PDB file of N, CA and C in Angstrom:
ATOM      1  N   UNK A   1      -4.871   3.961   9.014  1.00  0.00           N
ATOM      2  CA  UNK A   1      -4.497   5.015   9.928  1.00  0.00           C
ATOM      3  C   UNK A   1      -4.096   4.361  11.249  1.00  0.00           C
ATOM      4  N   UNK A   2      -2.931   4.733  11.742  1.00  0.00           N
ATOM      5  CA  UNK A   2      -2.436   4.179  12.998  1.00  0.00           C
ATOM      6  C   UNK A   2      -2.771   5.077  14.178  1.00  0.00           C
ATOM      7  N   UNK A   3      -2.479   4.575  15.365  1.00  0.00           N
ATOM      8  CA  UNK A   3      -2.690   5.356  16.585  1.00  0.00           C
ATOM      9  C   UNK A   3      -1.796   6.595  16.555  1.00  0.00           C
ATOM     10  N   UNK A   4      -2.217   7.616  17.249  1.00  0.00           N
ATOM     11  CA  UNK A   4      -1.432   8.838  17.334  1.00  0.00           C
ATOM     12  C   UNK A   4      -1.656   9.811  16.195  1.00  0.00           C
ATOM     13  N   UNK A   5      -2.483   9.450  15.218  1.00  0.00           N
ATOM     14  CA  UNK A   5      -2.771  10.355  14.103  1.00  0.00           C
ATOM     15  C   UNK A   5      -3.925  11.277  14.481  1.00  0.00           C
ATOM     16  N   UNK A   6      -3.886  12.504  13.980  1.00  0.00           N
ATOM     17  CA  UNK A   6      -4.940  13.484  14.236  1.00  0.00           C
ATOM     18  C   UNK A   6      -5.433  14.018  12.899  1.00  0.00           C
ATOM     19  N   UNK A   7      -6.758  14.017  12.721  1.00  0.00           N
ATOM     20  CA  UNK A   7      -7.381  14.550  11.512  1.00  0.00           C
ATOM     21  C   UNK A   7      -8.199  15.766  11.911  1.00  0.00           C
ATOM     22  N   UNK A   8      -7.908  16.914  11.300  1.00  0.00           N
ATOM     23  CA  UNK A   8      -8.597  18.158  11.613  1.00  0.00           C
ATOM     24  C   UNK A   8     -10.006  18.213  11.038  1.00  0.00           C
ATOM     25  N   UNK A   9     -10.716  19.255  11.397  1.00  0.00           N
ATOM     26  CA  UNK A   9     -12.086  19.464  10.941  1.00  0.00           C
ATOM     27  C   UNK A   9     -12.146  19.684   9.434  1.00  0.00           C
ATOM     28  N   UNK A  10     -13.164  19.129   8.811  1.00  0.00           N
ATOM     29  CA  UNK A  10     -13.478  19.327   7.400  1.00  0.00           C
ATOM     30  C   UNK A  10     -12.375  18.847   6.466  1.00  0.00           C
ATOM     31  N   UNK A  11     -11.548  17.911   6.904  1.00  0.00           N
ATOM     32  CA  UNK A  11     -10.521  17.330   6.039  1.00  0.00           C
ATOM     33  C   UNK A  11     -11.064  16.069   5.398  1.00  0.00           C
ATOM     34  N   UNK A  12     -10.570  15.764   4.191  1.00  0.00           N
ATOM     35  CA  UNK A  12     -11.035  14.616   3.424  1.00  0.00           C
ATOM     36  C   UNK A  12      -9.859  13.683   3.178  1.00  0.00           C
ATOM     37  N   UNK A  13      -9.983  12.440   3.652  1.00  0.00           N
ATOM     38  CA  UNK A  13      -8.968  11.415   3.430  1.00  0.00           C
ATOM     39  C   UNK A  13      -9.575  10.411   2.455  1.00  0.00           C
ATOM     40  N   UNK A  14      -9.030  10.331   1.250  1.00  0.00           N
ATOM     41  CA  UNK A  14      -9.595   9.459   0.214  1.00  0.00           C
ATOM     42  C   UNK A  14      -9.220   7.993   0.449  1.00  0.00           C
ATOM     43  N   UNK A  15      -9.835   7.114  -0.327  1.00  0.00           N
ATOM     44  CA  UNK A  15      -9.669   5.670  -0.171  1.00  0.00           C
ATOM     45  C   UNK A  15      -8.230   5.220  -0.367  1.00  0.00           C
ATOM     46  N   UNK A  16      -7.886   4.137   0.309  1.00  0.00           N
ATOM     47  CA  UNK A  16      -6.582   3.476   0.230  1.00  0.00           C
ATOM     48  C   UNK A  16      -5.410   4.334   0.692  1.00  0.00           C
ATOM     49  N   UNK A  17      -5.665   5.431   1.354  1.00  0.00           N
ATOM     50  CA  UNK A  17      -4.574   6.261   1.874  1.00  0.00           C
ATOM     51  C   UNK A  17      -4.063   5.674   3.186  1.00  0.00           C
ATOM     52  N   UNK A  18      -2.750   5.827   3.424  1.00  0.00           N
ATOM     53  CA  UNK A  18      -2.122   5.294   4.620  1.00  0.00           C
ATOM     54  C   UNK A  18      -1.478   6.424   5.406  1.00  0.00           C
ATOM     55  N   UNK A  19      -1.858   6.533   6.671  1.00  0.00           N
ATOM     56  CA  UNK A  19      -1.251   7.509   7.577  1.00  0.00           C
ATOM     57  C   UNK A  19      -0.703   6.732   8.760  1.00  0.00           C
ATOM     58  N   UNK A  20       0.604   6.839   9.007  1.00  0.00           N
ATOM     59  CA  UNK A  20       1.148   6.144  10.167  1.00  0.00           C
ATOM     60  C   UNK A  20       2.292   6.928  10.780  1.00  0.00           C
ATOM     61  N   UNK A  21       2.443   6.780  12.086  1.00  0.00           N
ATOM     62  CA  UNK A  21       3.532   7.426  12.800  1.00  0.00           C
ATOM     63  C   UNK A  21       3.234   8.826  13.286  1.00  0.00           C
ATOM     64  N   UNK A  22       2.117   9.025  13.960  1.00  0.00           N
ATOM     65  CA  UNK A  22       1.785  10.323  14.569  1.00  0.00           C
ATOM     66  C   UNK A  22       1.638  11.452  13.554  1.00  0.00           C
ATOM     67  N   UNK A  23       0.940  11.209  12.493  1.00  0.00           N
ATOM     68  CA  UNK A  23       0.685  12.223  11.464  1.00  0.00           C
ATOM     69  C   UNK A  23      -0.418  13.165  11.942  1.00  0.00           C
ATOM     70  N   UNK A  24      -0.243  14.470  11.717  1.00  0.00           N
ATOM     71  CA  UNK A  24      -1.270  15.466  12.007  1.00  0.00           C
ATOM     72  C   UNK A  24      -1.732  16.075  10.694  1.00  0.00           C
ATOM     73  N   UNK A  25      -3.022  15.949  10.417  1.00  0.00           N
ATOM     74  CA  UNK A  25      -3.637  16.576   9.248  1.00  0.00           C
ATOM     75  C   UNK A  25      -4.496  17.713   9.789  1.00  0.00           C
ATOM     76  N   UNK A  26      -4.119  18.943   9.472  1.00  0.00           N
ATOM     77  CA  UNK A  26      -4.843  20.093   9.993  1.00  0.00           C
ATOM     78  C   UNK A  26      -6.183  20.275   9.268  1.00  0.00           C
ATOM     79  N   UNK A  27      -6.913  21.331   9.603  1.00  0.00           N
ATOM     80  CA  UNK A  27      -8.251  21.575   9.063  1.00  0.00           C
ATOM     81  C   UNK A  27      -8.236  21.835   7.554  1.00  0.00           C
ATOM     82  N   UNK A  28      -9.332  21.433   6.888  1.00  0.00           N
ATOM     83  CA  UNK A  28      -9.615  21.724   5.480  1.00  0.00           C
ATOM     84  C   UNK A  28      -8.611  21.132   4.496  1.00  0.00           C
ATOM     85  N   UNK A  29      -7.996  20.013   4.832  1.00  0.00           N
ATOM     86  CA  UNK A  29      -7.036  19.373   3.927  1.00  0.00           C
ATOM     87  C   UNK A  29      -7.734  18.347   3.041  1.00  0.00           C
ATOM     88  N   UNK A  30      -7.087  18.028   1.932  1.00  0.00           N
ATOM     89  CA  UNK A  30      -7.541  16.948   1.059  1.00  0.00           C
ATOM     90  C   UNK A  30      -6.360  16.021   0.818  1.00  0.00           C
ATOM     91  N   UNK A  31      -6.555  14.744   1.133  1.00  0.00           N
ATOM     92  CA  UNK A  31      -5.527  13.727   0.914  1.00  0.00           C
ATOM     93  C   UNK A  31      -6.038  12.812  -0.190  1.00  0.00           C
ATOM     94  N   UNK A  32      -5.342  12.794  -1.323  1.00  0.00           N
ATOM     95  CA  UNK A  32      -5.774  12.021  -2.487  1.00  0.00           C
ATOM     96  C   UNK A  32      -5.676  10.518  -2.268  1.00  0.00           C
ATOM     97  N   UNK A  33      -6.385   9.786  -3.098  1.00  0.00           N
ATOM     98  CA  UNK A  33      -6.456   8.335  -3.029  1.00  0.00           C
ATOM     99  C   UNK A  33      -5.072   7.690  -3.121  1.00  0.00           C
ATOM    100  N   UNK A  34      -4.869   6.648  -2.343  1.00  0.00           N
ATOM    101  CA  UNK A  34      -3.645   5.836  -2.336  1.00  0.00           C
ATOM    102  C   UNK A  34      -2.391   6.599  -1.926  1.00  0.00           C
ATOM    103  N   UNK A  35      -2.551   7.691  -1.216  1.00  0.00           N
ATOM    104  CA  UNK A  35      -1.401   8.440  -0.704  1.00  0.00           C
ATOM    105  C   UNK A  35      -0.821   7.730   0.514  1.00  0.00           C
ATOM    106  N   UNK A  36       0.475   7.939   0.733  1.00  0.00           N
ATOM    107  CA  UNK A  36       1.153   7.388   1.902  1.00  0.00           C
ATOM    108  C   UNK A  36       1.818   8.549   2.634  1.00  0.00           C
ATOM    109  N   UNK A  37       1.477   8.703   3.912  1.00  0.00           N
ATOM    110  CA  UNK A  37       2.071   9.746   4.754  1.00  0.00           C
ATOM    111  C   UNK A  37       2.636   9.043   5.975  1.00  0.00           C
ATOM    112  N   UNK A  38       3.949   9.107   6.131  1.00  0.00           N
ATOM    113  CA  UNK A  38       4.581   8.332   7.184  1.00  0.00           C
ATOM    114  C   UNK A  38       5.597   9.157   7.961  1.00  0.00           C
ATOM    115  N   UNK A  39       5.691   8.895   9.243  1.00  0.00           N
ATOM    116  CA  UNK A  39       6.594   9.634  10.116  1.00  0.00           C
ATOM    117  C   UNK A  39       5.838  10.677  10.906  1.00  0.00           C
ATOM    118  N   UNK A  40       6.515  11.364  11.772  1.00  0.00           N
ATOM    119  CA  UNK A  40       5.888  12.401  12.594  1.00  0.00           C
ATOM    120  C   UNK A  40       5.771  13.667  11.762  1.00  0.00           C
ATOM    121  N   UNK A  41       4.789  13.680  10.874  1.00  0.00           N
ATOM    122  CA  UNK A  41       4.634  14.772   9.915  1.00  0.00           C
ATOM    123  C   UNK A  41       3.378  15.582  10.180  1.00  0.00           C
ATOM    124  N   UNK A  42       3.383  16.801   9.658  1.00  0.00           N
ATOM    125  CA  UNK A  42       2.236  17.701   9.760  1.00  0.00           C
ATOM    126  C   UNK A  42       1.848  18.126   8.349  1.00  0.00           C
ATOM    127  N   UNK A  43       0.562  17.953   8.040  1.00  0.00           N
ATOM    128  CA  UNK A  43      -0.004  18.436   6.787  1.00  0.00           C
ATOM    129  C   UNK A  43      -0.725  19.729   7.144  1.00  0.00           C
ATOM    130  N   UNK A  44      -0.224  20.857   6.649  1.00  0.00           N
ATOM    131  CA  UNK A  44      -0.727  22.171   7.031  1.00  0.00           C
ATOM    132  C   UNK A  44      -2.149  22.437   6.572  1.00  0.00           C
ATOM    133  N   UNK A  45      -2.783  23.410   7.208  1.00  0.00           N
ATOM    134  CA  UNK A  45      -4.175  23.765   6.926  1.00  0.00           C
ATOM    135  C   UNK A  45      -4.388  24.053   5.439  1.00  0.00           C
ATOM    136  N   UNK A  46      -5.476  23.507   4.898  1.00  0.00           N
ATOM    137  CA  UNK A  46      -5.909  23.704   3.508  1.00  0.00           C
ATOM    138  C   UNK A  46      -4.920  23.166   2.483  1.00  0.00           C
ATOM    139  N   UNK A  47      -4.050  22.250   2.881  1.00  0.00           N
ATOM    140  CA  UNK A  47      -3.102  21.641   1.941  1.00  0.00           C
ATOM    141  C   UNK A  47      -3.790  20.536   1.141  1.00  0.00           C
ATOM    142  N   UNK A  48      -3.255  20.277  -0.050  1.00  0.00           N
ATOM    143  CA  UNK A  48      -3.758  19.216  -0.918  1.00  0.00           C
ATOM    144  C   UNK A  48      -2.606  18.267  -1.217  1.00  0.00           C
ATOM    145  N   UNK A  49      -2.831  16.975  -0.963  1.00  0.00           N
ATOM    146  CA  UNK A  49      -1.857  15.939  -1.287  1.00  0.00           C
ATOM    147  C   UNK A  49      -2.431  15.150  -2.459  1.00  0.00           C
ATOM    148  N   UNK A  50      -1.702  15.124  -3.574  1.00  0.00           N
ATOM    149  CA  UNK A  50      -2.177  14.457  -4.785  1.00  0.00           C
ATOM    150  C   UNK A  50      -2.284  12.950  -4.622  1.00  0.00           C
ATOM    151  N   UNK A  51      -3.119  12.341  -5.447  1.00  0.00           N
ATOM    152  CA  UNK A  51      -3.321  10.895  -5.421  1.00  0.00           C
ATOM    153  C   UNK A  51      -2.002  10.169  -5.651  1.00  0.00           C
ATOM    154  N   UNK A  52      -1.761   9.138  -4.852  1.00  0.00           N
ATOM    155  CA  UNK A  52      -0.571   8.317  -5.002  1.00  0.00           C
ATOM    156  C   UNK A  52       0.715   8.928  -4.478  1.00  0.00           C
ATOM    157  N   UNK A  53       0.633  10.089  -3.850  1.00  0.00           N
ATOM    158  CA  UNK A  53       1.835  10.758  -3.338  1.00  0.00           C
ATOM    159  C   UNK A  53       2.416   9.994  -2.149  1.00  0.00           C
ATOM    160  N   UNK A  54       3.725  10.080  -2.004  1.00  0.00           N
ATOM    161  CA  UNK A  54       4.407   9.536  -0.834  1.00  0.00           C
ATOM    162  C   UNK A  54       5.034  10.722  -0.107  1.00  0.00           C
ATOM    163  N   UNK A  55       4.441  11.076   1.033  1.00  0.00           N
ATOM    164  CA  UNK A  55       4.858  12.265   1.777  1.00  0.00           C
ATOM    165  C   UNK A  55       5.867  11.858   2.844  1.00  0.00           C
ATOM    166  N   UNK A  56       7.080  12.443   2.764  1.00  0.00           N
ATOM    167  CA  UNK A  56       8.135  12.126   3.728  1.00  0.00           C
ATOM    168  C   UNK A  56       8.632  13.377   4.449  1.00  0.00           C
ATOM    169  N   UNK A  57       8.026  14.535   4.137  1.00  0.00           N
ATOM    170  CA  UNK A  57       8.365  15.804   4.794  1.00  0.00           C
ATOM    171  C   UNK A  57       7.073  16.537   5.141  1.00  0.00           C
ATOM    172  N   UNK A  58       7.150  17.479   6.080  1.00  0.00           N
ATOM    173  CA  UNK A  58       5.991  18.297   6.410  1.00  0.00           C
ATOM    174  C   UNK A  58       5.495  19.029   5.168  1.00  0.00           C
ATOM    175  N   UNK A  59       4.174  19.249   5.119  1.00  0.00           N
ATOM    176  CA  UNK A  59       3.557  19.983   4.015  1.00  0.00           C
ATOM    177  C   UNK A  59       3.079  21.323   4.565  1.00  0.00           C
ATOM    178  N   UNK A  60       3.512  22.405   3.950  1.00  0.00           N
ATOM    179  CA  UNK A  60       3.148  23.744   4.414  1.00  0.00           C
ATOM    180  C   UNK A  60       1.664  24.011   4.165  1.00  0.00           C
ATOM    181  N   UNK A  61       1.059  24.890   4.972  1.00  0.00           N
ATOM    182  CA  UNK A  61      -0.347  25.256   4.757  1.00  0.00           C
ATOM    183  C   UNK A  61      -0.563  25.854   3.364  1.00  0.00           C
ATOM    184  N   UNK A  62      -1.748  25.598   2.817  1.00  0.00           N
ATOM    185  CA  UNK A  62      -2.183  26.152   1.529  1.00  0.00           C
ATOM    186  C   UNK A  62      -1.196  25.879   0.394  1.00  0.00           C
ATOM    187  N   UNK A  63      -0.760  24.610   0.308  1.00  0.00           N
ATOM    188  CA  UNK A  63       0.089  24.189  -0.800  1.00  0.00           C
ATOM    189  C   UNK A  63      -0.461  22.909  -1.409  1.00  0.00           C
ATOM    190  N   UNK A  64      -0.008  22.617  -2.626  1.00  0.00           N
ATOM    191  CA  UNK A  64      -0.345  21.372  -3.312  1.00  0.00           C
ATOM    192  C   UNK A  64       0.955  20.597  -3.484  1.00  0.00           C
ATOM    193  N   UNK A  65       0.959  19.333  -3.045  1.00  0.00           N
ATOM    194  CA  UNK A  65       2.116  18.465  -3.236  1.00  0.00           C
ATOM    195  C   UNK A  65       1.669  17.199  -3.955  1.00  0.00           C
ATOM    196  N   UNK A  66       2.598  16.599  -4.710  1.00  0.00           N
ATOM    197  CA  UNK A  66       2.299  15.352  -5.414  1.00  0.00           C
ATOM    198  C   UNK A  66       3.610  14.681  -5.785  1.00  0.00           C
ATOM    199  N   UNK A  67       3.527  13.403  -6.117  1.00  0.00           N
ATOM    200  CA  UNK A  67       4.687  12.670  -6.599  1.00  0.00           C
ATOM    201  C   UNK A  67       5.288  11.738  -5.572  1.00  0.00           C
ATOM    202  N   UNK A  68       6.349  11.041  -6.034  1.00  0.00           N
ATOM    203  CA  UNK A  68       7.059  10.089  -5.189  1.00  0.00           C
ATOM    204  C   UNK A  68       8.541  10.438  -5.259  1.00  0.00           C
ATOM    205  N   UNK A  69       9.117  11.013  -4.237  1.00  0.00           N
ATOM    206  CA  UNK A  69       8.461  11.543  -3.041  1.00  0.00           C
ATOM    207  C   UNK A  69       7.686  12.817  -3.367  1.00  0.00           C
ATOM    208  N   UNK A  70       6.762  13.184  -2.500  1.00  0.00           N
ATOM    209  CA  UNK A  70       5.914  14.362  -2.739  1.00  0.00           C
ATOM    210  C   UNK A  70       6.755  15.631  -2.793  1.00  0.00           C
ATOM    211  N   UNK A  71       6.493  16.443  -3.812  1.00  0.00           N
ATOM    212  CA  UNK A  71       7.183  17.725  -3.988  1.00  0.00           C
ATOM    213  C   UNK A  71       6.151  18.824  -4.174  1.00  0.00           C
ATOM    214  N   UNK A  72       6.560  20.045  -3.878  1.00  0.00           N
ATOM    215  CA  UNK A  72       5.675  21.197  -4.024  1.00  0.00           C
ATOM    216  C   UNK A  72       5.301  21.384  -5.490  1.00  0.00           C
ATOM    217  N   UNK A  73       4.002  21.466  -5.756  1.00  0.00           N
ATOM    218  CA  UNK A  73       3.492  21.745  -7.098  1.00  0.00           C
ATOM    219  C   UNK A  73       3.140  23.222  -7.211  1.00  0.00           C
ATOM    220  N   UNK A  74       2.407  23.724  -6.206  1.00  0.00           N
ATOM    221  CA  UNK A  74       2.055  25.149  -6.212  1.00  0.00           C
ATOM    222  C   UNK A  74       1.577  25.580  -4.840  1.00  0.00           C
ATOM    223  N   UNK A  75       1.555  26.880  -4.646  1.00  0.00           N
ATOM    224  CA  UNK A  75       0.984  27.469  -3.443  1.00  0.00           C
ATOM    225  C   UNK A  75      -0.415  27.965  -3.775  1.00  0.00           C
ATOM    226  N   UNK A  76      -1.329  27.817  -2.828  1.00  0.00           N
ATOM    227  CA  UNK A  76      -2.717  28.236  -3.018  1.00  0.00           C
ATOM    228  C   UNK A  76      -2.884  29.616  -2.410  1.00  0.00           C
ATOM    229  N   UNK A  77      -3.367  30.559  -3.196  1.00  0.00           N
ATOM    230  CA  UNK A  77      -3.553  31.936  -2.708  1.00  0.00           C
ATOM    231  C   UNK A  77      -4.885  32.100  -2.032  1.00  0.00           C
TER     232      UNK A  77
END
């Protein structure tokens, strides 16, 4: 994790994950193991990033993203 990153309350960042470039992770998020989040991005509240995902775009609140590059898998109701 680099300088300028913000991690919200009750969020979980799993092992080997990389956050760099002023990333904001809002409250109640889960970032899977070995994920890469780079650039001035925002991970919305209660979002889930799958293990090994490479996030290059903002993630909307209450969604699940995964893959390389990370794509929307589903919305959480």
